[in-house]
Amino acid sequence: MLSCIMSIAGYVDYKQREFCSDVKCPVQLDLNAQKRESEEYQKIRQTCRTNCKFTTWQFHHWLMEKGYLIVRPENKGVHIGGMNMDWGMKNRLSQLIQSDGRALFLPIDHGYFQGPTHKLEEPGKTIKPLLPYADAIMLTRGILRSCVDPAKTKPIILRVSGGTSMARKEELSHEGITTSVREAIRLNASAVSLSIFVGSEHEHESLLNLSNLVNECEEYGIPVMAVTAVGAELEKREARYLALCCRIAAELGARVVKTYYVEEGFEKVVRGCPVPVVMAGGPKVDSELETFEFVHDGIQKGAIGVNLGRNVWQSDYPVAMIRAIRAIIHENATPKEAHELFNSIKKGKQ
């Protein structure tokens, strides 16, 4: 294997079949569906050796014979130590973004406009088995006070905007600040978050909410995470729009931006945002593997981590789900490895 030849600090080795998976070669996809070392698996592998559609197999083995190594710079996220900020701000961000530059945030703030969301009817019970695997939790002051044990918690990202509900979907973008910075300090929050609604009827108001919140939070060394919300307009989830939202949020002073993952152009969204980006999950996807694939792809394209709620706690196996996602973020697991871990935990083997 190429990875056995040598290693270079700060770089990741090219993995066998990495190209095949990335371009979604139909032969590789068929291979992935087979049990490893089965007769059908070996039969398909023979196709790779004799009739590779992209000549990848031959090139890969030629590289090994020559002793060559293909590497790429390792995406280690961001390192708080290098940022220009006061000690308090740096300390709070370091609680959220781990030493590897990555982060796994668990949001349970959905009730602030959705009410008792499915599987979040009792937030305390929902998050109890998940907390050991989250780097931080995002929630409102009401749920923090009533459902979270202050002696057994993780760093808090306090949701401080709201004032709308699903009862009036057309007004979801009309949020205001609902929780003061003094309250955030009293609750020992590591960060605060609010939504911005770029392109909506209430764009101006939501952006001023962000600006004013940043002005006050900077006085106390509290980072603000801006959430690029779309309200009921889900069609806005495309790269050009999200790049606009993220850049504006960073320009107005957000220290972290939460935005949606998109398959096409997500690297441009991240590249245009000079502060760390974490991915939102949005509606629960059809399969666990889909979640692992988009998390992995987003990390490869520059996001530092995720802020995933429903894809985790609405799963039939939430602990297996969060542990598999954590493996992608903090252990550089591939989607396939994460899926194998998920199935192993689900079956009680770990």
Protein backbone atom coordinates (compact mmCIF):
# COMPACT_ATOMS: atom_id res chain seq x y z
CA MET A 1 0.00 0.00 0.00
CA LEU A 2 1.15 3.52 -0.69
CA SER A 3 0.55 4.55 2.91
CA CYS A 4 3.23 2.09 4.04
CA ILE A 5 6.02 3.79 2.09
CA MET A 6 6.32 6.91 4.20
CA SER A 7 4.33 9.70 5.79
CA ILE A 8 4.71 13.45 5.63
CA ALA A 9 3.71 15.64 8.56
CA GLY A 10 0.68 17.76 7.73
CA TYR A 11 -0.32 15.61 4.74
CA VAL A 12 -2.73 12.74 4.22
CA ASP A 13 -1.82 9.77 2.01
CA TYR A 14 -3.87 8.91 -1.04
CA LYS A 15 -6.01 5.90 -0.22
CA GLN A 16 -6.56 2.99 -2.56
CA ARG A 17 -9.87 3.40 -4.43
CA GLU A 18 -10.27 6.95 -3.09
CA PHE A 19 -10.51 8.27 -6.65
CA CYS A 20 -12.93 5.51 -7.64
CA SER A 21 -15.29 6.40 -4.81
CA ASP A 22 -14.99 10.14 -5.37
CA VAL A 23 -15.98 9.96 -9.05
CA LYS A 24 -18.69 7.41 -8.18
CA CYS A 25 -17.37 4.81 -10.60
CA PRO A 26 -20.27 2.36 -11.21
CA VAL A 27 -17.92 -0.61 -10.74
CA GLN A 28 -16.75 0.77 -7.38
CA LEU A 29 -20.34 1.41 -6.26
CA ASP A 30 -21.21 -2.17 -7.14
CA LEU A 31 -18.13 -3.35 -5.25
CA ASN A 32 -19.15 -1.37 -2.16
CA ALA A 33 -22.47 -3.19 -2.11
CA GLN A 34 -20.82 -6.62 -1.87
CA LYS A 35 -19.55 -8.46 1.15
CA ARG A 36 -15.79 -8.13 1.23
CA GLU A 37 -13.91 -11.19 -0.06
CA SER A 38 -17.11 -12.83 -1.29
CA GLU A 39 -17.15 -14.54 -4.68
CA GLU A 40 -19.08 -11.67 -6.26
CA TYR A 41 -16.67 -9.16 -4.69
CA GLN A 42 -13.68 -10.93 -6.26
CA LYS A 43 -15.46 -11.13 -9.59
CA ILE A 44 -16.04 -7.37 -9.65
CA ARG A 45 -12.46 -6.69 -8.58
CA GLN A 46 -11.32 -8.60 -11.64
CA THR A 47 -13.17 -6.02 -13.75
CA CYS A 48 -11.03 -3.33 -12.09
CA ARG A 49 -7.84 -5.20 -12.96
CA THR A 50 -8.72 -5.97 -16.58
CA ASN A 51 -11.18 -3.31 -17.69
CA CYS A 52 -10.85 -0.28 -15.38
CA LYS A 53 -13.05 2.50 -16.78
CA PHE A 54 -10.68 5.24 -15.62
CA THR A 55 -7.39 3.25 -15.74
CA THR A 56 -7.11 3.97 -12.01
CA TRP A 57 -6.18 0.42 -11.00
CA GLN A 58 -3.25 0.25 -13.39
CA PHE A 59 -2.01 3.72 -12.44
CA HIS A 60 -2.29 2.99 -8.73
CA HIS A 61 -0.18 -0.15 -8.99
CA TRP A 62 2.35 1.57 -11.24
CA LEU A 63 2.80 4.19 -8.50
CA MET A 64 3.39 1.48 -5.89
CA GLU A 65 5.97 -0.24 -8.05
CA LYS A 66 7.83 3.06 -8.51
CA GLY A 67 7.65 3.88 -4.80
CA TYR A 68 5.74 7.10 -5.42
CA LEU A 69 3.41 8.66 -2.88
CA ILE A 70 0.42 10.90 -3.57
CA VAL A 71 -0.51 13.20 -0.70
CA ARG A 72 -2.72 16.22 -0.06
CA PRO A 73 -2.59 18.83 2.73
CA GLU A 74 -4.49 17.53 5.75
CA ASN A 75 -7.59 19.56 6.59
CA LYS A 76 -7.22 20.08 10.32
CA GLY A 77 -9.82 22.79 10.62
CA VAL A 78 -8.86 25.93 12.49
CA HIS A 79 -6.58 26.42 15.46
CA ILE A 80 -7.79 28.97 17.95
CA GLY A 81 -4.28 29.69 19.17
CA GLY A 82 -3.43 31.50 15.96
CA MET A 83 -6.42 33.82 16.00
CA ASN A 84 -6.11 37.47 17.00
CA MET A 85 -8.44 37.82 19.98
CA ASP A 86 -8.55 38.43 23.73
CA TRP A 87 -7.88 35.60 26.19
CA GLY A 88 -11.55 35.24 27.20
CA MET A 89 -12.77 34.99 23.62
CA LYS A 90 -10.01 32.53 22.77
CA ASN A 91 -10.79 30.45 25.85
CA ARG A 92 -14.50 30.20 25.05
CA LEU A 93 -13.88 29.26 21.43
CA SER A 94 -11.36 26.65 22.57
CA GLN A 95 -14.13 25.03 24.62
CA LEU A 96 -16.17 24.66 21.45
CA ILE A 97 -13.56 23.97 18.77
CA GLN A 98 -11.33 21.13 19.88
CA SER A 99 -7.53 20.91 19.74
CA ASP A 100 -7.70 19.22 16.31
CA GLY A 101 -9.52 22.25 14.93
CA ARG A 102 -12.80 20.35 14.56
CA ALA A 103 -16.18 20.54 16.29
CA LEU A 104 -19.35 18.51 16.81
CA PHE A 105 -22.22 20.67 18.08
CA LEU A 106 -25.54 19.09 19.11
CA PRO A 107 -28.50 21.49 18.70
CA ILE A 108 -31.72 20.93 20.60
CA ASP A 109 -33.14 24.45 20.19
CA HIS A 110 -35.80 23.45 17.64
CA GLY A 111 -38.66 23.94 20.10
CA TYR A 112 -38.19 27.71 20.16
CA PHE A 113 -40.30 27.92 16.99
CA GLN A 114 -41.43 24.32 16.31
CA GLY A 115 -42.74 23.37 19.76
CA PRO A 116 -42.35 19.74 20.96
CA THR A 117 -40.54 18.32 17.92
CA HIS A 118 -40.68 14.54 17.33
CA LYS A 119 -38.22 12.75 19.63
CA LEU A 120 -37.44 16.06 21.37
CA GLU A 121 -40.59 16.09 23.48
CA GLU A 122 -38.44 15.49 26.57
CA PRO A 123 -35.10 17.18 25.79
CA GLY A 124 -33.35 16.03 28.97
CA LYS A 125 -33.97 12.36 28.21
CA THR A 126 -33.05 12.82 24.55
CA ILE A 127 -29.62 14.33 25.14
CA LYS A 128 -28.51 12.39 28.23
CA PRO A 129 -26.91 9.45 26.33
CA LEU A 130 -25.58 11.78 23.60
CA LEU A 131 -23.74 14.36 25.71
CA PRO A 132 -20.52 12.31 26.12
CA TYR A 133 -19.97 12.46 22.35
CA ALA A 134 -20.84 16.12 21.69
CA ASP A 135 -18.34 18.98 21.94
CA ALA A 136 -21.09 21.48 22.77
CA ILE A 137 -24.88 21.73 22.91
CA MET A 138 -27.01 24.51 21.42
CA LEU A 139 -30.26 25.34 23.18
CA THR A 140 -32.47 28.06 24.69
CA ARG A 141 -32.28 29.32 28.26
CA GLY A 142 -35.58 27.66 29.17
CA ILE A 143 -34.45 24.18 28.18
CA LEU A 144 -31.01 24.74 29.71
CA ARG A 145 -32.51 25.62 33.10
CA SER A 146 -35.21 22.95 33.15
CA CYS A 147 -33.64 19.97 31.38
CA VAL A 148 -29.84 20.05 31.71
CA ASP A 149 -27.95 18.97 34.83
CA PRO A 150 -25.46 21.79 35.58
CA ALA A 151 -23.06 19.23 37.05
CA LYS A 152 -23.10 17.04 33.92
CA THR A 153 -23.09 19.15 30.81
CA LYS A 154 -20.97 20.33 27.91
CA PRO A 155 -20.11 23.87 26.74
CA ILE A 156 -23.26 25.84 25.98
CA ILE A 157 -24.15 27.69 22.78
CA LEU A 158 -27.14 29.73 23.90
CA ARG A 159 -29.85 30.50 21.34
CA VAL A 160 -30.77 34.17 21.92
CA SER A 161 -33.09 34.91 18.98
CA GLY A 162 -36.71 33.98 18.44
CA GLY A 163 -40.21 35.39 18.71
CA THR A 164 -41.80 33.51 15.79
CA SER A 165 -43.46 30.12 15.34
CA MET A 166 -44.58 27.56 12.78
CA ALA A 167 -48.14 28.81 13.34
CA ARG A 168 -47.23 31.76 11.12
CA LYS A 169 -44.67 30.38 8.67
CA GLU A 170 -44.77 33.52 6.57
CA GLU A 171 -43.26 35.43 9.51
CA LEU A 172 -40.47 33.02 10.48
CA SER A 173 -37.85 35.57 9.39
CA HIS A 174 -39.22 38.20 11.79
CA GLU A 175 -37.04 37.18 14.74
CA GLY A 176 -35.85 39.44 17.50
CA ILE A 177 -33.35 39.13 20.35
CA THR A 178 -35.05 37.23 23.17
CA THR A 179 -32.20 36.73 25.65
CA SER A 180 -29.78 39.35 26.98
CA VAL A 181 -25.99 39.06 27.04
CA ARG A 182 -26.14 39.42 30.84
CA GLU A 183 -28.36 36.33 30.91
CA ALA A 184 -25.83 34.46 28.74
CA ILE A 185 -23.09 35.38 31.21
CA ARG A 186 -25.28 34.33 34.14
CA LEU A 187 -25.83 30.95 32.48
CA ASN A 188 -22.09 30.56 31.79
CA ALA A 189 -22.58 30.25 28.03
CA SER A 190 -19.49 29.61 25.93
CA ALA A 191 -21.15 31.28 22.92
CA VAL A 192 -24.47 32.70 21.77
CA SER A 193 -26.29 32.10 18.49
CA LEU A 194 -28.97 33.78 16.42
CA SER A 195 -30.47 33.42 12.97
CA ILE A 196 -30.06 35.79 10.05
CA PHE A 197 -32.46 35.81 7.09
CA VAL A 198 -30.65 37.22 4.07
CA GLY A 199 -32.98 37.96 1.17
CA SER A 200 -36.13 37.87 3.30
CA GLU A 201 -38.59 40.64 4.08
CA HIS A 202 -36.84 41.07 7.44
CA GLU A 203 -33.24 40.87 6.20
CA HIS A 204 -32.32 44.35 7.48
CA GLU A 205 -33.71 43.68 10.94
CA SER A 206 -32.00 40.30 11.31
CA LEU A 207 -28.63 41.67 10.20
CA LEU A 208 -28.87 44.55 12.65
CA ASN A 209 -29.74 41.99 15.34
CA LEU A 210 -26.45 40.25 14.54
CA SER A 211 -24.44 43.48 14.47
CA ASN A 212 -25.83 44.74 17.77
CA LEU A 213 -25.34 41.36 19.42
CA VAL A 214 -21.71 41.22 18.25
CA ASN A 215 -21.11 44.75 19.57
CA GLU A 216 -22.25 43.75 23.04
CA CYS A 217 -20.75 40.25 23.12
CA GLU A 218 -17.30 41.47 22.08
CA GLU A 219 -17.30 43.63 25.22
CA TYR A 220 -17.45 40.47 27.32
CA GLY A 221 -15.40 38.11 25.16
CA ILE A 222 -18.38 35.97 24.10
CA PRO A 223 -18.32 34.54 20.55
CA VAL A 224 -21.42 34.87 18.37
CA MET A 225 -22.42 32.08 16.00
CA ALA A 226 -24.61 33.27 13.12
CA VAL A 227 -27.10 30.76 11.70
CA THR A 228 -27.89 31.30 8.01
CA ALA A 229 -31.59 30.49 8.17
CA VAL A 230 -33.94 30.29 5.19
CA GLY A 231 -37.26 30.07 7.04
CA ALA A 232 -39.86 28.38 4.85
CA GLU A 233 -37.93 29.13 1.62
CA LEU A 234 -35.99 25.86 1.33
CA GLU A 235 -35.21 26.50 -2.34
CA LYS A 236 -32.61 29.05 -1.18
CA ARG A 237 -30.24 26.25 -0.22
CA GLU A 238 -27.75 26.71 -3.05
CA ALA A 239 -24.09 27.68 -2.97
CA ARG A 240 -24.29 31.22 -4.34
CA TYR A 241 -26.92 32.27 -1.80
CA LEU A 242 -25.20 30.53 1.12
CA ALA A 243 -21.84 32.08 0.19
CA LEU A 244 -23.51 35.50 0.33
CA CYS A 245 -25.05 34.78 3.75
CA CYS A 246 -21.86 33.40 5.28
CA ARG A 247 -19.67 36.24 4.07
CA ILE A 248 -22.11 38.88 5.35
CA ALA A 249 -22.28 37.14 8.74
CA ALA A 250 -18.48 37.12 8.98
CA GLU A 251 -18.25 40.75 7.83
CA LEU A 252 -20.65 41.78 10.60
CA GLY A 253 -18.51 40.06 13.23
CA ALA A 254 -19.74 36.51 13.74
CA ARG A 255 -16.93 34.31 15.09
CA VAL A 256 -18.49 31.11 13.72
CA VAL A 257 -21.10 30.58 10.99
CA LYS A 258 -23.56 27.72 10.76
CA THR A 259 -24.86 27.05 7.25
CA TYR A 260 -26.36 24.32 5.11
CA TYR A 261 -24.27 21.81 3.23
CA VAL A 262 -24.78 21.72 -0.54
CA GLU A 263 -23.20 19.12 -2.81
CA GLU A 264 -22.36 21.57 -5.59
CA GLY A 265 -20.09 24.50 -4.73
CA PHE A 266 -19.80 24.05 -0.97
CA GLU A 267 -16.04 24.63 -1.12
CA LYS A 268 -16.78 28.12 -2.51
CA VAL A 269 -19.10 28.81 0.41
CA VAL A 270 -16.36 27.94 2.89
CA ARG A 271 -13.56 29.64 0.96
CA GLY A 272 -15.46 32.93 0.91
CA CYS A 273 -16.08 32.89 4.67
CA PRO A 274 -13.04 34.02 6.73
CA VAL A 275 -14.34 32.47 9.98
CA PRO A 276 -15.00 28.79 10.82
CA VAL A 277 -18.03 27.17 9.18
CA VAL A 278 -20.08 24.36 10.69
CA MET A 279 -22.69 22.44 8.71
CA ALA A 280 -26.38 22.33 9.54
CA GLY A 281 -28.26 19.13 8.98
CA GLY A 282 -31.65 20.34 7.87
CA PRO A 283 -34.41 17.70 7.45
CA LYS A 284 -33.51 14.10 8.34
CA VAL A 285 -32.12 12.26 5.30
CA ASP A 286 -33.22 8.86 3.98
CA SER A 287 -30.25 6.83 5.22
CA GLU A 288 -27.41 6.99 7.71
CA LEU A 289 -24.88 6.61 4.91
CA GLU A 290 -26.20 9.80 3.24
CA THR A 291 -25.49 11.70 6.43
CA PHE A 292 -21.99 10.26 6.72
CA GLU A 293 -21.28 11.11 3.09
CA PHE A 294 -22.29 14.75 3.34
CA VAL A 295 -20.49 15.25 6.65
CA HIS A 296 -17.30 13.75 5.22
CA ASP A 297 -17.56 15.73 1.98
CA GLY A 298 -18.20 18.98 3.83
CA ILE A 299 -15.17 18.43 6.06
CA GLN A 300 -13.01 17.74 3.01
CA LYS A 301 -14.26 20.99 1.50
CA GLY A 302 -13.26 23.06 4.50
CA ALA A 303 -15.99 22.98 7.16
CA ILE A 304 -14.66 22.44 10.69
CA GLY A 305 -17.55 20.27 11.77
CA VAL A 306 -21.30 20.02 12.19
CA ASN A 307 -24.26 21.35 14.12
CA LEU A 308 -26.53 18.33 13.62
CA GLY A 309 -29.72 17.71 15.56
CA ARG A 310 -32.52 15.81 13.83
CA ASN A 311 -30.16 13.56 11.88
CA VAL A 312 -28.85 12.42 15.26
CA TRP A 313 -31.64 12.37 17.85
CA GLN A 314 -34.41 11.40 15.40
CA SER A 315 -32.41 8.33 14.42
CA ASP A 316 -33.59 4.98 15.74
CA TYR A 317 -30.02 4.57 17.02
CA PRO A 318 -28.95 8.07 18.12
CA VAL A 319 -25.86 7.00 20.10
CA ALA A 320 -24.55 4.96 17.18
CA MET A 321 -25.27 7.91 14.92
CA ILE A 322 -23.42 10.53 16.93
CA ARG A 323 -20.45 8.23 17.52
CA ALA A 324 -20.14 7.50 13.81
CA ILE A 325 -20.32 11.22 12.96
CA ARG A 326 -17.76 11.94 15.65
CA ALA A 327 -15.43 9.38 14.05
CA ILE A 328 -15.61 11.30 10.75
CA ILE A 329 -14.95 14.65 12.41
CA HIS A 330 -12.31 13.77 14.97
CA GLU A 331 -10.81 10.53 13.65
CA ASN A 332 -10.91 11.19 9.89
CA ALA A 333 -13.09 8.14 9.27
CA THR A 334 -14.46 7.62 5.76
CA PRO A 335 -18.23 7.35 5.21
CA LYS A 336 -17.83 3.59 4.80
CA GLU A 337 -15.85 3.28 8.04
CA ALA A 338 -18.41 5.42 9.84
CA HIS A 339 -21.22 3.25 8.51
CA GLU A 340 -19.46 0.11 9.68
CA LEU A 341 -18.99 1.68 13.13
CA PHE A 342 -22.66 2.68 13.19
CA ASN A 343 -23.78 -0.87 12.40
CA SER A 344 -21.39 -2.35 14.95
CA ILE A 345 -22.68 -0.09 17.74
CA LYS A 346 -26.27 -0.63 16.62
CA LYS A 347 -25.78 -4.39 17.01
CA GLY A 348 -24.28 -3.92 20.45
CA LYS A 349 -20.77 -4.96 19.48
CA GLN A 350 -19.17 -1.74 20.81
